[in-house]
């Protein structure tokens, strides 16, 4: 279901699925992960920048999940033209036993409210 965050700008949660994060640089963590795909639709008359967008996740224990740059991560970026839709993929290292009642926060661009999605992940 889509959530309108500003006049004509809406976000939706396309998919949440289980996966694994793979450490690719020092300090990163490999392990069980949730892969979150979000969609942003721009039904305004002007392009919007997705460069300042962010997505975060609280696991079922209320702990902020660690974002990972490992594949298939492809965060939102660039400019979104009027009447266009873009998708971004985010990977969060999350314990397998903390996937009930998770919260995903999405802000597609600077200066707009944050959308909140709550539910269970598999």
Protein backbone atom coordinates (compact mmCIF):
# COMPACT_ATOMS: atom_id res chain seq x y z
CA UNK A 1 0.00 0.00 0.00
CA UNK A 2 1.31 3.47 -0.88
CA UNK A 3 1.72 6.31 1.61
CA UNK A 4 1.59 9.88 0.30
CA UNK A 5 4.35 11.83 2.07
CA UNK A 6 3.93 15.14 0.25
CA UNK A 7 1.57 16.51 -2.37
CA UNK A 8 2.01 14.06 -5.23
CA UNK A 9 4.99 12.13 -3.80
CA UNK A 10 4.21 8.64 -2.53
CA UNK A 11 6.26 5.73 -1.24
CA UNK A 12 5.41 2.06 -0.95
CA UNK A 13 7.02 -1.08 0.35
CA UNK A 14 7.33 -3.41 -2.63
CA UNK A 15 8.91 -6.41 -0.94
CA UNK A 16 10.69 -7.58 2.20
CA UNK A 17 12.51 -10.88 1.91
CA UNK A 18 15.10 -12.84 3.81
CA UNK A 19 18.65 -12.96 2.55
CA UNK A 20 22.26 -12.63 3.69
CA UNK A 21 24.56 -9.69 3.94
CA UNK A 22 28.17 -10.20 2.93
CA UNK A 23 30.95 -8.09 4.41
CA UNK A 24 32.84 -6.34 1.60
CA UNK A 25 34.95 -3.91 3.62
CA UNK A 26 36.55 -3.84 7.08
CA UNK A 27 34.01 -3.27 9.86
CA UNK A 28 31.04 -4.69 7.94
CA UNK A 29 29.14 -7.72 9.19
CA UNK A 30 28.07 -10.83 7.29
CA UNK A 31 24.96 -12.66 8.38
CA UNK A 32 21.20 -13.03 8.10
CA UNK A 33 19.56 -10.02 6.52
CA UNK A 34 16.32 -8.53 5.32
CA UNK A 35 16.23 -7.18 1.78
CA UNK A 36 13.79 -4.30 1.48
CA UNK A 37 12.57 -2.92 -1.85
CA UNK A 38 10.85 0.47 -1.79
CA UNK A 39 9.14 2.43 -4.54
CA UNK A 40 8.79 6.20 -4.93
CA UNK A 41 6.25 7.76 -7.28
CA UNK A 42 6.45 11.40 -8.32
CA UNK A 43 3.03 12.64 -9.43
CA UNK A 44 4.08 16.30 -9.29
CA UNK A 45 4.97 18.63 -12.14
CA UNK A 46 8.64 18.95 -11.11
CA UNK A 47 11.47 16.44 -10.76
CA UNK A 48 12.55 15.50 -7.23
CA UNK A 49 16.00 14.53 -6.00
CA UNK A 50 16.33 11.09 -4.49
CA UNK A 51 19.94 11.72 -3.41
CA UNK A 52 18.89 12.60 0.15
CA UNK A 53 16.44 9.70 0.53
CA UNK A 54 16.86 7.25 3.38
CA UNK A 55 15.41 3.96 4.49
CA UNK A 56 15.88 2.52 7.96
CA UNK A 57 14.59 -0.56 9.75
CA UNK A 58 13.84 -1.41 13.37
CA UNK A 59 13.82 -5.15 13.97
CA UNK A 60 11.23 -6.91 16.10
CA UNK A 61 13.31 -6.29 19.24
CA UNK A 62 13.26 -2.53 18.58
CA UNK A 63 16.92 -2.45 17.54
CA UNK A 64 18.04 -0.35 14.57
CA UNK A 65 19.16 -2.82 11.89
CA UNK A 66 22.63 -2.39 10.42
CA UNK A 67 22.51 -1.33 6.75
CA UNK A 68 24.80 -3.25 4.42
CA UNK A 69 26.15 -2.24 1.02
CA UNK A 70 26.32 -5.88 -0.08
CA UNK A 71 24.36 -7.04 -3.09
CA UNK A 72 21.61 -6.68 -4.09
CA UNK A 73 21.65 -3.23 -2.41
CA UNK A 74 20.84 -0.40 -4.85
CA UNK A 75 19.71 2.67 -2.88
CA UNK A 76 17.52 5.34 -4.42
CA UNK A 77 19.51 8.12 -6.09
CA UNK A 78 19.38 10.66 -8.89
CA UNK A 79 16.43 12.71 -10.06
CA UNK A 80 12.93 11.33 -10.42
CA UNK A 81 11.02 12.92 -13.29
CA UNK A 82 7.37 13.96 -13.06
CA UNK A 83 4.94 11.04 -13.50
CA UNK A 84 7.77 8.54 -12.92
CA UNK A 85 8.47 5.79 -10.39
CA UNK A 86 11.80 4.55 -9.04
CA UNK A 87 12.73 1.56 -6.89
CA UNK A 88 15.54 1.17 -4.40
CA UNK A 89 16.83 -1.96 -2.69
CA UNK A 90 18.26 -1.90 0.84
CA UNK A 91 19.96 -4.70 2.78
CA UNK A 92 19.81 -4.75 6.59
CA UNK A 93 21.69 -7.22 8.77
CA UNK A 94 18.93 -8.53 11.04
CA UNK A 95 18.78 -11.58 13.33
CA UNK A 96 16.53 -14.33 12.01
CA UNK A 97 14.61 -14.40 15.30
CA UNK A 98 13.71 -10.66 15.26
CA UNK A 99 11.51 -10.44 12.18
CA UNK A 100 8.09 -10.09 13.76
CA UNK A 101 6.65 -6.59 14.11
CA UNK A 102 9.44 -4.79 12.25
CA UNK A 103 9.21 -1.12 11.30
CA UNK A 104 10.53 0.34 8.04
CA UNK A 105 10.92 4.12 7.73
CA UNK A 106 11.18 5.73 4.29
CA UNK A 107 11.91 9.34 3.37
CA UNK A 108 12.19 9.76 -0.40
CA UNK A 109 13.59 13.29 -0.48
CA UNK A 110 14.61 16.14 1.82
CA UNK A 111 11.88 18.16 3.47
CA UNK A 112 9.04 15.64 3.34
CA UNK A 113 7.53 13.58 6.16
CA UNK A 114 8.75 10.05 6.79
CA UNK A 115 6.50 7.11 5.88
CA UNK A 116 6.29 4.28 8.41
CA UNK A 117 5.42 0.67 7.57
CA UNK A 118 4.91 -1.95 10.31
CA UNK A 119 4.50 -5.68 9.89
CA UNK A 120 6.13 -9.09 9.93
CA UNK A 121 8.92 -10.20 7.63
CA UNK A 122 9.48 -13.79 6.60
